[in-house]
Amino acid sequence: MKAKRENKGTKRVSDLTADEATHVRTALKFLRTRCGGWDGVAAALGFARNSLTDTAGGRLPASASMAIRIARLAGVKIDDVLAGNFPAPGACAYCGHVQELPAS
C-alpha cells in the first residue's frame, strides 16, 4: 500500500511578477472561451485541466512555462502576454474583435 504523500507546507513560487501573473490568468480565461472550454485549452497547452483552472482561479501561481505556451498557442509574442496586451483590452472573448471608439 502506498503511503499518502504529506504536504509539508511548501509554497509554489512563480517567476512572474504579480502583474504578469494576472495577465497570464486573463489570457487563460480568454483562451477558455476561444477553445470551447478548459478541456480544449488543456489539450492545446499540454497542462492538466485542474492546473489550468486552479491557476486561472488564483489557487496556483502562474508560471513562465504557461505564459510561453499561451503565447505560442495564441500566435503572439511572450511580451504581449506578460504585459497584458493579449488579449487586447476590451476584446470580445468569442471573436477577439476590439470595438473602436468613435472619434471625438
PDB file of N, CA and C in Angstrom:
ATOM      1  N   MET A   1       0.833  -1.165   0.000  1.00  0.00           N
ATOM      2  CA  MET A   1       0.000   0.000   0.000  1.00  0.00           C
ATOM      3  C   MET A   1       0.890   1.244   0.000  1.00  0.00           C
ATOM      4  N   LYS A   2       0.573   2.198  -0.863  1.00  0.00           N
ATOM      5  CA  LYS A   2       1.364   3.419  -0.961  1.00  0.00           C
ATOM      6  C   LYS A   2       1.086   4.333   0.220  1.00  0.00           C
ATOM      7  N   ALA A   3       2.136   4.926   0.727  1.00  0.00           N
ATOM      8  CA  ALA A   3       1.958   5.905   1.799  1.00  0.00           C
ATOM      9  C   ALA A   3       1.415   7.192   1.207  1.00  0.00           C
ATOM     10  N   LYS A   4       0.543   7.823   1.943  1.00  0.00           N
ATOM     11  CA  LYS A   4      -0.035   9.077   1.475  1.00  0.00           C
ATOM     12  C   LYS A   4       1.040  10.159   1.526  1.00  0.00           C
ATOM     13  N   ARG A   5       1.143  10.899   0.442  1.00  0.00           N
ATOM     14  CA  ARG A   5       2.135  11.954   0.349  1.00  0.00           C
ATOM     15  C   ARG A   5       1.691  13.136   1.219  1.00  0.00           C
ATOM     16  N   GLU A   6       2.579  13.552   2.076  1.00  0.00           N
ATOM     17  CA  GLU A   6       2.241  14.626   3.005  1.00  0.00           C
ATOM     18  C   GLU A   6       2.749  15.965   2.482  1.00  0.00           C
ATOM     19  N   ASN A   7       1.898  16.969   2.550  1.00  0.00           N
ATOM     20  CA  ASN A   7       2.279  18.315   2.155  1.00  0.00           C
ATOM     21  C   ASN A   7       2.942  18.973   3.354  1.00  0.00           C
ATOM     22  N   LYS A   8       4.176  19.336   3.205  1.00  0.00           N
ATOM     23  CA  LYS A   8       4.928  19.926   4.308  1.00  0.00           C
ATOM     24  C   LYS A   8       4.785  21.437   4.346  1.00  0.00           C
ATOM     25  N   GLY A   9       3.748  21.976   3.702  1.00  0.00           N
ATOM     26  CA  GLY A   9       3.533  23.408   3.741  1.00  0.00           C
ATOM     27  C   GLY A   9       4.394  24.176   2.759  1.00  0.00           C
ATOM     28  N   THR A  10       5.014  23.473   1.818  1.00  0.00           N
ATOM     29  CA  THR A  10       5.827  24.178   0.831  1.00  0.00           C
ATOM     30  C   THR A  10       4.916  24.954  -0.100  1.00  0.00           C
ATOM     31  N   LYS A  11       5.336  26.135  -0.412  1.00  0.00           N
ATOM     32  CA  LYS A  11       4.545  27.010  -1.257  1.00  0.00           C
ATOM     33  C   LYS A  11       5.218  27.114  -2.624  1.00  0.00           C
ATOM     34  N   ARG A  12       4.433  26.996  -3.671  1.00  0.00           N
ATOM     35  CA  ARG A  12       4.974  27.158  -5.014  1.00  0.00           C
ATOM     36  C   ARG A  12       5.233  28.630  -5.267  1.00  0.00           C
ATOM     37  N   VAL A  13       6.353  28.907  -5.892  1.00  0.00           N
ATOM     38  CA  VAL A  13       6.737  30.282  -6.167  1.00  0.00           C
ATOM     39  C   VAL A  13       6.767  30.491  -7.671  1.00  0.00           C
ATOM     40  N   SER A  14       6.309  31.650  -8.102  1.00  0.00           N
ATOM     41  CA  SER A  14       6.280  31.979  -9.519  1.00  0.00           C
ATOM     42  C   SER A  14       7.466  32.851  -9.878  1.00  0.00           C
ATOM     43  N   ASP A  15       7.946  32.707 -11.105  1.00  0.00           N
ATOM     44  CA  ASP A  15       8.996  33.575 -11.635  1.00  0.00           C
ATOM     45  C   ASP A  15       8.418  34.892 -12.136  1.00  0.00           C
ATOM     46  N   LEU A  16       7.110  35.000 -12.133  1.00  0.00           N
ATOM     47  CA  LEU A  16       6.443  36.166 -12.695  1.00  0.00           C
ATOM     48  C   LEU A  16       6.104  37.177 -11.608  1.00  0.00           C
ATOM     49  N   THR A  17       6.026  38.440 -12.014  1.00  0.00           N
ATOM     50  CA  THR A  17       5.561  39.467 -11.080  1.00  0.00           C
ATOM     51  C   THR A  17       4.062  39.281 -10.874  1.00  0.00           C
ATOM     52  N   ALA A  18       3.516  39.967  -9.901  1.00  0.00           N
ATOM     53  CA  ALA A  18       2.075  39.870  -9.641  1.00  0.00           C
ATOM     54  C   ALA A  18       1.273  40.344 -10.852  1.00  0.00           C
ATOM     55  N   ASP A  19       1.710  41.426 -11.489  1.00  0.00           N
ATOM     56  CA  ASP A  19       1.007  41.926 -12.682  1.00  0.00           C
ATOM     57  C   ASP A  19       1.085  40.929 -13.829  1.00  0.00           C
ATOM     58  N   GLU A  20       2.266  40.350 -14.049  1.00  0.00           N
ATOM     59  CA  GLU A  20       2.420  39.368 -15.128  1.00  0.00           C
ATOM     60  C   GLU A  20       1.537  38.153 -14.880  1.00  0.00           C
ATOM     61  N   ALA A  21       1.475  37.698 -13.636  1.00  0.00           N
ATOM     62  CA  ALA A  21       0.632  36.552 -13.300  1.00  0.00           C
ATOM     63  C   ALA A  21      -0.839  36.869 -13.559  1.00  0.00           C
ATOM     64  N   THR A  22      -1.257  38.076 -13.247  1.00  0.00           N
ATOM     65  CA  THR A  22      -2.637  38.497 -13.523  1.00  0.00           C
ATOM     66  C   THR A  22      -2.911  38.465 -15.018  1.00  0.00           C
ATOM     67  N   HIS A  23      -1.963  38.924 -15.818  1.00  0.00           N
ATOM     68  CA  HIS A  23      -2.137  38.921 -17.274  1.00  0.00           C
ATOM     69  C   HIS A  23      -2.200  37.499 -17.831  1.00  0.00           C
ATOM     70  N   VAL A  24      -1.413  36.594 -17.262  1.00  0.00           N
ATOM     71  CA  VAL A  24      -1.456  35.187 -17.694  1.00  0.00           C
ATOM     72  C   VAL A  24      -2.826  34.595 -17.356  1.00  0.00           C
ATOM     73  N   ARG A  25      -3.357  34.889 -16.178  1.00  0.00           N
ATOM     74  CA  ARG A  25      -4.685  34.384 -15.814  1.00  0.00           C
ATOM     75  C   ARG A  25      -5.759  34.942 -16.740  1.00  0.00           C
ATOM     76  N   THR A  26      -5.645  36.205 -17.112  1.00  0.00           N
ATOM     77  CA  THR A  26      -6.600  36.810 -18.049  1.00  0.00           C
ATOM     78  C   THR A  26      -6.521  36.121 -19.404  1.00  0.00           C
ATOM     79  N   ALA A  27      -5.317  35.870 -19.875  1.00  0.00           N
ATOM     80  CA  ALA A  27      -5.137  35.191 -21.161  1.00  0.00           C
ATOM     81  C   ALA A  27      -5.710  33.773 -21.121  1.00  0.00           C
ATOM     82  N   LEU A  28      -5.516  33.085 -19.999  1.00  0.00           N
ATOM     83  CA  LEU A  28      -6.079  31.736 -19.848  1.00  0.00           C
ATOM     84  C   LEU A  28      -7.601  31.755 -19.967  1.00  0.00           C
ATOM     85  N   LYS A  29      -8.226  32.701 -19.277  1.00  0.00           N
ATOM     86  CA  LYS A  29      -9.688  32.789 -19.311  1.00  0.00           C
ATOM     87  C   LYS A  29     -10.189  33.132 -20.716  1.00  0.00           C
ATOM     88  N   PHE A  30      -9.452  33.966 -21.426  1.00  0.00           N
ATOM     89  CA  PHE A  30      -9.793  34.302 -22.811  1.00  0.00           C
ATOM     90  C   PHE A  30      -9.697  33.054 -23.692  1.00  0.00           C
ATOM     91  N   LEU A  31      -8.616  32.296 -23.527  1.00  0.00           N
ATOM     92  CA  LEU A  31      -8.432  31.083 -24.332  1.00  0.00           C
ATOM     93  C   LEU A  31      -9.483  30.026 -24.004  1.00  0.00           C
ATOM     94  N   ARG A  32      -9.952  29.991 -22.766  1.00  0.00           N
ATOM     95  CA  ARG A  32     -11.012  29.045 -22.397  1.00  0.00           C
ATOM     96  C   ARG A  32     -12.235  29.265 -23.286  1.00  0.00           C
ATOM     97  N   THR A  33     -12.589  30.506 -23.490  1.00  0.00           N
ATOM     98  CA  THR A  33     -13.729  30.822 -24.345  1.00  0.00           C
ATOM     99  C   THR A  33     -13.416  30.515 -25.800  1.00  0.00           C
ATOM    100  N   ARG A  34     -12.242  30.915 -26.248  1.00  0.00           N
ATOM    101  CA  ARG A  34     -11.863  30.719 -27.650  1.00  0.00           C
ATOM    102  C   ARG A  34     -11.724  29.239 -28.017  1.00  0.00           C
ATOM    103  N   CYS A  35     -11.313  28.407 -27.057  1.00  0.00           N
ATOM    104  CA  CYS A  35     -11.086  26.979 -27.318  1.00  0.00           C
ATOM    105  C   CYS A  35     -12.287  26.106 -26.953  1.00  0.00           C
ATOM    106  N   GLY A  36     -13.377  26.727 -26.507  1.00  0.00           N
ATOM    107  CA  GLY A  36     -14.572  25.956 -26.200  1.00  0.00           C
ATOM    108  C   GLY A  36     -14.565  25.278 -24.847  1.00  0.00           C
ATOM    109  N   GLY A  37     -13.731  25.723 -23.936  1.00  0.00           N
ATOM    110  CA  GLY A  37     -13.714  25.164 -22.586  1.00  0.00           C
ATOM    111  C   GLY A  37     -12.313  24.788 -22.141  1.00  0.00           C
ATOM    112  N   TRP A  38     -12.225  24.400 -20.885  1.00  0.00           N
ATOM    113  CA  TRP A  38     -10.919  24.078 -20.313  1.00  0.00           C
ATOM    114  C   TRP A  38     -10.275  22.855 -20.947  1.00  0.00           C
ATOM    115  N   ASP A  39     -11.081  21.885 -21.372  1.00  0.00           N
ATOM    116  CA  ASP A  39     -10.501  20.681 -21.973  1.00  0.00           C
ATOM    117  C   ASP A  39      -9.734  21.014 -23.249  1.00  0.00           C
ATOM    118  N   GLY A  40     -10.274  21.928 -24.052  1.00  0.00           N
ATOM    119  CA  GLY A  40      -9.588  22.344 -25.279  1.00  0.00           C
ATOM    120  C   GLY A  40      -8.292  23.078 -24.988  1.00  0.00           C
ATOM    121  N   VAL A  41      -8.319  23.935 -23.980  1.00  0.00           N
ATOM    122  CA  VAL A  41      -7.108  24.673 -23.607  1.00  0.00           C
ATOM    123  C   VAL A  41      -6.064  23.709 -23.053  1.00  0.00           C
ATOM    124  N   ALA A  42      -6.493  22.782 -22.211  1.00  0.00           N
ATOM    125  CA  ALA A  42      -5.568  21.804 -21.625  1.00  0.00           C
ATOM    126  C   ALA A  42      -4.886  20.979 -22.707  1.00  0.00           C
ATOM    127  N   ALA A  43      -5.655  20.539 -23.684  1.00  0.00           N
ATOM    128  CA  ALA A  43      -5.077  19.749 -24.770  1.00  0.00           C
ATOM    129  C   ALA A  43      -4.094  20.575 -25.594  1.00  0.00           C
ATOM    130  N   ALA A  44      -4.443  21.817 -25.859  1.00  0.00           N
ATOM    131  CA  ALA A  44      -3.591  22.674 -26.685  1.00  0.00           C
ATOM    132  C   ALA A  44      -2.311  23.093 -25.965  1.00  0.00           C
ATOM    133  N   LEU A  45      -2.399  23.321 -24.662  1.00  0.00           N
ATOM    134  CA  LEU A  45      -1.236  23.791 -23.914  1.00  0.00           C
ATOM    135  C   LEU A  45      -0.410  22.666 -23.306  1.00  0.00           C
ATOM    136  N   GLY A  46      -0.995  21.491 -23.169  1.00  0.00           N
ATOM    137  CA  GLY A  46      -0.268  20.373 -22.571  1.00  0.00           C
ATOM    138  C   GLY A  46      -0.207  20.437 -21.052  1.00  0.00           C
ATOM    139  N   PHE A  47      -1.201  21.071 -20.445  1.00  0.00           N
ATOM    140  CA  PHE A  47      -1.324  21.113 -18.984  1.00  0.00           C
ATOM    141  C   PHE A  47      -2.567  20.348 -18.584  1.00  0.00           C
ATOM    142  N   ALA A  48      -2.571  19.868 -17.352  1.00  0.00           N
ATOM    143  CA  ALA A  48      -3.766  19.218 -16.827  1.00  0.00           C
ATOM    144  C   ALA A  48      -4.856  20.269 -16.648  1.00  0.00           C
ATOM    145  N   ARG A  49      -6.087  19.853 -16.887  1.00  0.00           N
ATOM    146  CA  ARG A  49      -7.229  20.767 -16.759  1.00  0.00           C
ATOM    147  C   ARG A  49      -7.268  21.405 -15.372  1.00  0.00           C
ATOM    148  N   ASN A  50      -7.043  20.613 -14.329  1.00  0.00           N
ATOM    149  CA  ASN A  50      -7.078  21.133 -12.960  1.00  0.00           C
ATOM    150  C   ASN A  50      -6.002  22.187 -12.721  1.00  0.00           C
ATOM    151  N   SER A  51      -4.849  22.014 -13.326  1.00  0.00           N
ATOM    152  CA  SER A  51      -3.782  23.010 -13.188  1.00  0.00           C
ATOM    153  C   SER A  51      -4.214  24.333 -13.789  1.00  0.00           C
ATOM    154  N   LEU A  52      -4.884  24.261 -14.922  1.00  0.00           N
ATOM    155  CA  LEU A  52      -5.332  25.483 -15.587  1.00  0.00           C
ATOM    156  C   LEU A  52      -6.429  26.184 -14.787  1.00  0.00           C
ATOM    157  N   THR A  53      -7.404  25.409 -14.327  1.00  0.00           N
ATOM    158  CA  THR A  53      -8.498  26.035 -13.581  1.00  0.00           C
ATOM    159  C   THR A  53      -8.001  26.600 -12.249  1.00  0.00           C
ATOM    160  N   ASP A  54      -7.072  25.896 -11.611  1.00  0.00           N
ATOM    161  CA  ASP A  54      -6.517  26.392 -10.345  1.00  0.00           C
ATOM    162  C   ASP A  54      -5.665  27.638 -10.559  1.00  0.00           C
ATOM    163  N   THR A  55      -4.940  27.693 -11.665  1.00  0.00           N
ATOM    164  CA  THR A  55      -4.145  28.881 -11.979  1.00  0.00           C
ATOM    165  C   THR A  55      -5.058  30.046 -12.325  1.00  0.00           C
ATOM    166  N   ALA A  56      -6.051  29.807 -13.162  1.00  0.00           N
ATOM    167  CA  ALA A  56      -6.983  30.873 -13.554  1.00  0.00           C
ATOM    168  C   ALA A  56      -7.724  31.420 -12.342  1.00  0.00           C
ATOM    169  N   GLY A  57      -8.009  30.568 -11.382  1.00  0.00           N
ATOM    170  CA  GLY A  57      -8.718  30.983 -10.178  1.00  0.00           C
ATOM    171  C   GLY A  57      -7.815  31.553  -9.096  1.00  0.00           C
ATOM    172  N   GLY A  58      -6.511  31.588  -9.342  1.00  0.00           N
ATOM    173  CA  GLY A  58      -5.578  32.152  -8.376  1.00  0.00           C
ATOM    174  C   GLY A  58      -5.160  31.207  -7.268  1.00  0.00           C
ATOM    175  N   ARG A  59      -5.553  29.931  -7.358  1.00  0.00           N
ATOM    176  CA  ARG A  59      -5.181  28.968  -6.322  1.00  0.00           C
ATOM    177  C   ARG A  59      -3.777  28.418  -6.533  1.00  0.00           C
ATOM    178  N   LEU A  60      -3.292  28.465  -7.773  1.00  0.00           N
ATOM    179  CA  LEU A  60      -1.918  28.101  -8.106  1.00  0.00           C
ATOM    180  C   LEU A  60      -1.271  29.302  -8.780  1.00  0.00           C
ATOM    181  N   PRO A  61       0.042  29.474  -8.599  1.00  0.00           N
ATOM    182  CA  PRO A  61       0.702  30.598  -9.264  1.00  0.00           C
ATOM    183  C   PRO A  61       0.845  30.341 -10.763  1.00  0.00           C
ATOM    184  N   ALA A  62       0.771  31.406 -11.534  1.00  0.00           N
ATOM    185  CA  ALA A  62       1.023  31.307 -12.973  1.00  0.00           C
ATOM    186  C   ALA A  62       2.527  31.105 -13.162  1.00  0.00           C
ATOM    187  N   SER A  63       2.884  30.342 -14.179  1.00  0.00           N
ATOM    188  CA  SER A  63       4.301  30.061 -14.401  1.00  0.00           C
ATOM    189  C   SER A  63       4.771  30.660 -15.728  1.00  0.00           C
ATOM    190  N   ALA A  64       6.075  30.829 -15.823  1.00  0.00           N
ATOM    191  CA  ALA A  64       6.669  31.319 -17.065  1.00  0.00           C
ATOM    192  C   ALA A  64       6.428  30.309 -18.191  1.00  0.00           C
ATOM    193  N   SER A  65       6.488  29.033 -17.870  1.00  0.00           N
ATOM    194  CA  SER A  65       6.231  27.992 -18.856  1.00  0.00           C
ATOM    195  C   SER A  65       4.824  28.104 -19.422  1.00  0.00           C
ATOM    196  N   MET A  66       3.870  28.363 -18.561  1.00  0.00           N
ATOM    197  CA  MET A  66       2.492  28.507 -19.006  1.00  0.00           C
ATOM    198  C   MET A  66       2.350  29.740 -19.906  1.00  0.00           C
ATOM    199  N   ALA A  67       3.004  30.831 -19.527  1.00  0.00           N
ATOM    200  CA  ALA A  67       2.950  32.052 -20.325  1.00  0.00           C
ATOM    201  C   ALA A  67       3.518  31.818 -21.725  1.00  0.00           C
ATOM    202  N   ILE A  68       4.612  31.078 -21.801  1.00  0.00           N
ATOM    203  CA  ILE A  68       5.231  30.777 -23.101  1.00  0.00           C
ATOM    204  C   ILE A  68       4.282  29.942 -23.961  1.00  0.00           C
ATOM    205  N   ARG A  69       3.674  28.946 -23.363  1.00  0.00           N
ATOM    206  CA  ARG A  69       2.753  28.088 -24.125  1.00  0.00           C
ATOM    207  C   ARG A  69       1.519  28.859 -24.585  1.00  0.00           C
ATOM    208  N   ILE A  70       1.033  29.769 -23.746  1.00  0.00           N
ATOM    209  CA  ILE A  70      -0.110  30.611 -24.130  1.00  0.00           C
ATOM    210  C   ILE A  70       0.264  31.460 -25.338  1.00  0.00           C
ATOM    211  N   ALA A  71       1.441  32.075 -25.288  1.00  0.00           N
ATOM    212  CA  ALA A  71       1.891  32.927 -26.395  1.00  0.00           C
ATOM    213  C   ALA A  71       2.000  32.117 -27.689  1.00  0.00           C
ATOM    214  N   ARG A  72       2.550  30.925 -27.610  1.00  0.00           N
ATOM    215  CA  ARG A  72       2.677  30.076 -28.808  1.00  0.00           C
ATOM    216  C   ARG A  72       1.306  29.709 -29.372  1.00  0.00           C
ATOM    217  N   LEU A  73       0.388  29.317 -28.498  1.00  0.00           N
ATOM    218  CA  LEU A  73      -0.952  28.949 -28.944  1.00  0.00           C
ATOM    219  C   LEU A  73      -1.657  30.134 -29.588  1.00  0.00           C
ATOM    220  N   ALA A  74      -1.507  31.305 -28.990  1.00  0.00           N
ATOM    221  CA  ALA A  74      -2.201  32.497 -29.485  1.00  0.00           C
ATOM    222  C   ALA A  74      -1.495  33.129 -30.683  1.00  0.00           C
ATOM    223  N   GLY A  75      -0.257  32.730 -30.936  1.00  0.00           N
ATOM    224  CA  GLY A  75       0.489  33.313 -32.044  1.00  0.00           C
ATOM    225  C   GLY A  75       0.909  34.747 -31.775  1.00  0.00           C
ATOM    226  N   VAL A  76       1.198  35.039 -30.498  1.00  0.00           N
ATOM    227  CA  VAL A  76       1.635  36.383 -30.115  1.00  0.00           C
ATOM    228  C   VAL A  76       2.984  36.272 -29.405  1.00  0.00           C
ATOM    229  N   LYS A  77       3.623  37.411 -29.211  1.00  0.00           N
ATOM    230  CA  LYS A  77       4.897  37.442 -28.501  1.00  0.00           C
ATOM    231  C   LYS A  77       4.648  37.242 -27.007  1.00  0.00           C
ATOM    232  N   ILE A  78       5.622  36.624 -26.354  1.00  0.00           N
ATOM    233  CA  ILE A  78       5.513  36.403 -24.913  1.00  0.00           C
ATOM    234  C   ILE A  78       5.348  37.735 -24.174  1.00  0.00           C
ATOM    235  N   ASP A  79       6.001  38.769 -24.679  1.00  0.00           N
ATOM    236  CA  ASP A  79       5.873  40.092 -24.052  1.00  0.00           C
ATOM    237  C   ASP A  79       4.435  40.592 -24.080  1.00  0.00           C
ATOM    238  N   ASP A  80       3.685  40.241 -25.138  1.00  0.00           N
ATOM    239  CA  ASP A  80       2.281  40.663 -25.216  1.00  0.00           C
ATOM    240  C   ASP A  80       1.443  40.003 -24.128  1.00  0.00           C
ATOM    241  N   VAL A  81       1.743  38.750 -23.836  1.00  0.00           N
ATOM    242  CA  VAL A  81       1.015  38.052 -22.768  1.00  0.00           C
ATOM    243  C   VAL A  81       1.380  38.652 -21.414  1.00  0.00           C
ATOM    244  N   LEU A  82       2.671  38.816 -21.161  1.00  0.00           N
ATOM    245  CA  LEU A  82       3.128  39.292 -19.856  1.00  0.00           C
ATOM    246  C   LEU A  82       2.752  40.749 -19.586  1.00  0.00           C
ATOM    247  N   ALA A  83       2.666  41.554 -20.652  1.00  0.00           N
ATOM    248  CA  ALA A  83       2.333  42.975 -20.483  1.00  0.00           C
ATOM    249  C   ALA A  83       0.829  43.235 -20.484  1.00  0.00           C
ATOM    250  N   GLY A  84       0.040  42.219 -20.766  1.00  0.00           N
ATOM    251  CA  GLY A  84      -1.411  42.391 -20.774  1.00  0.00           C
ATOM    252  C   GLY A  84      -1.952  42.875 -22.103  1.00  0.00           C
ATOM    253  N   ASN A  85      -1.157  42.755 -23.163  1.00  0.00           N
ATOM    254  CA  ASN A  85      -1.606  43.157 -24.499  1.00  0.00           C
ATOM    255  C   ASN A  85      -2.324  42.032 -25.236  1.00  0.00           C
ATOM    256  N   PHE A  86      -2.323  40.834 -24.674  1.00  0.00           N
ATOM    257  CA  PHE A  86      -3.114  39.722 -25.196  1.00  0.00           C
ATOM    258  C   PHE A  86      -3.914  39.159 -24.041  1.00  0.00           C
ATOM    259  N   PRO A  87      -5.205  39.074 -24.199  1.00  0.00           N
ATOM    260  CA  PRO A  87      -5.986  39.644 -25.294  1.00  0.00           C
ATOM    261  C   PRO A  87      -5.992  41.169 -25.190  1.00  0.00           C
ATOM    262  N   ALA A  88      -6.272  41.800 -26.305  1.00  0.00           N
ATOM    263  CA  ALA A  88      -6.316  43.255 -26.312  1.00  0.00           C
ATOM    264  C   ALA A  88      -7.389  43.735 -25.337  1.00  0.00           C
ATOM    265  N   PRO A  89      -7.100  44.787 -24.603  1.00  0.00           N
ATOM    266  CA  PRO A  89      -8.122  45.306 -23.678  1.00  0.00           C
ATOM    267  C   PRO A  89      -9.434  45.584 -24.420  1.00  0.00           C
ATOM    268  N   GLY A  90     -10.523  45.067 -23.890  1.00  0.00           N
ATOM    269  CA  GLY A  90     -11.835  45.266 -24.496  1.00  0.00           C
ATOM    270  C   GLY A  90     -12.171  44.271 -25.595  1.00  0.00           C
ATOM    271  N   ALA A  91     -11.308  43.280 -25.813  1.00  0.00           N
ATOM    272  CA  ALA A  91     -11.541  42.299 -26.881  1.00  0.00           C
ATOM    273  C   ALA A  91     -12.706  41.382 -26.528  1.00  0.00           C
ATOM    274  N   CYS A  92     -13.497  41.057 -27.539  1.00  0.00           N
ATOM    275  CA  CYS A  92     -14.583  40.100 -27.365  1.00  0.00           C
ATOM    276  C   CYS A  92     -13.973  38.729 -27.085  1.00  0.00           C
ATOM    277  N   ALA A  93     -14.452  38.068 -26.052  1.00  0.00           N
ATOM    278  CA  ALA A  93     -13.921  36.756 -25.680  1.00  0.00           C
ATOM    279  C   ALA A  93     -14.239  35.691 -26.716  1.00  0.00           C
ATOM    280  N   TYR A  94     -15.226  35.928 -27.562  1.00  0.00           N
ATOM    281  CA  TYR A  94     -15.631  34.923 -28.539  1.00  0.00           C
ATOM    282  C   TYR A  94     -14.923  35.076 -29.876  1.00  0.00           C
ATOM    283  N   CYS A  95     -14.744  36.321 -30.325  1.00  0.00           N
ATOM    284  CA  CYS A  95     -14.156  36.508 -31.655  1.00  0.00           C
ATOM    285  C   CYS A  95     -12.863  37.303 -31.636  1.00  0.00           C
ATOM    286  N   GLY A  96     -12.559  37.960 -30.519  1.00  0.00           N
ATOM    287  CA  GLY A  96     -11.341  38.736 -30.407  1.00  0.00           C
ATOM    288  C   GLY A  96     -11.453  40.152 -30.937  1.00  0.00           C
ATOM    289  N   HIS A  97     -12.617  40.502 -31.479  1.00  0.00           N
ATOM    290  CA  HIS A  97     -12.801  41.839 -32.044  1.00  0.00           C
ATOM    291  C   HIS A  97     -12.748  42.898 -30.946  1.00  0.00           C
ATOM    292  N   VAL A  98     -12.049  43.986 -31.256  1.00  0.00           N
ATOM    293  CA  VAL A  98     -11.986  45.126 -30.332  1.00  0.00           C
ATOM    294  C   VAL A  98     -12.736  46.256 -30.976  1.00  0.00           C
ATOM    295  N   GLN A  99     -13.769  46.721 -30.289  1.00  0.00           N
ATOM    296  CA  GLN A  99     -14.581  47.805 -30.825  1.00  0.00           C
ATOM    297  C   GLN A  99     -13.832  49.111 -30.723  1.00  0.00           C
ATOM    298  N   GLU A 100     -13.753  49.812 -31.850  1.00  0.00           N
ATOM    299  CA  GLU A 100     -13.085  51.104 -31.847  1.00  0.00           C
ATOM    300  C   GLU A 100     -14.049  52.170 -31.342  1.00  0.00           C
ATOM    301  N   LEU A 101     -13.522  53.062 -30.551  1.00  0.00           N
ATOM    302  CA  LEU A 101     -14.337  54.154 -30.046  1.00  0.00           C
ATOM    303  C   LEU A 101     -14.481  55.230 -31.120  1.00  0.00           C
ATOM    304  N   PRO A 102     -15.641  55.844 -31.233  1.00  0.00           N
ATOM    305  CA  PRO A 102     -15.804  56.896 -32.235  1.00  0.00           C
ATOM    306  C   PRO A 102     -14.884  58.083 -31.935  1.00  0.00           C
ATOM    307  N   ALA A 103     -14.430  58.723 -32.981  1.00  0.00           N
ATOM    308  CA  ALA A 103     -13.557  59.888 -32.817  1.00  0.00           C
ATOM    309  C   ALA A 103     -14.324  61.012 -32.164  1.00  0.00           C
ATOM    310  N   SER A 104     -13.673  61.721 -31.270  1.00  0.00           N
ATOM    311  CA  SER A 104     -14.349  62.824 -30.569  1.00  0.00           C
ATOM    312  C   SER A 104     -14.351  64.078 -31.386  1.00  0.00           C
TER     313      SER A 104
END
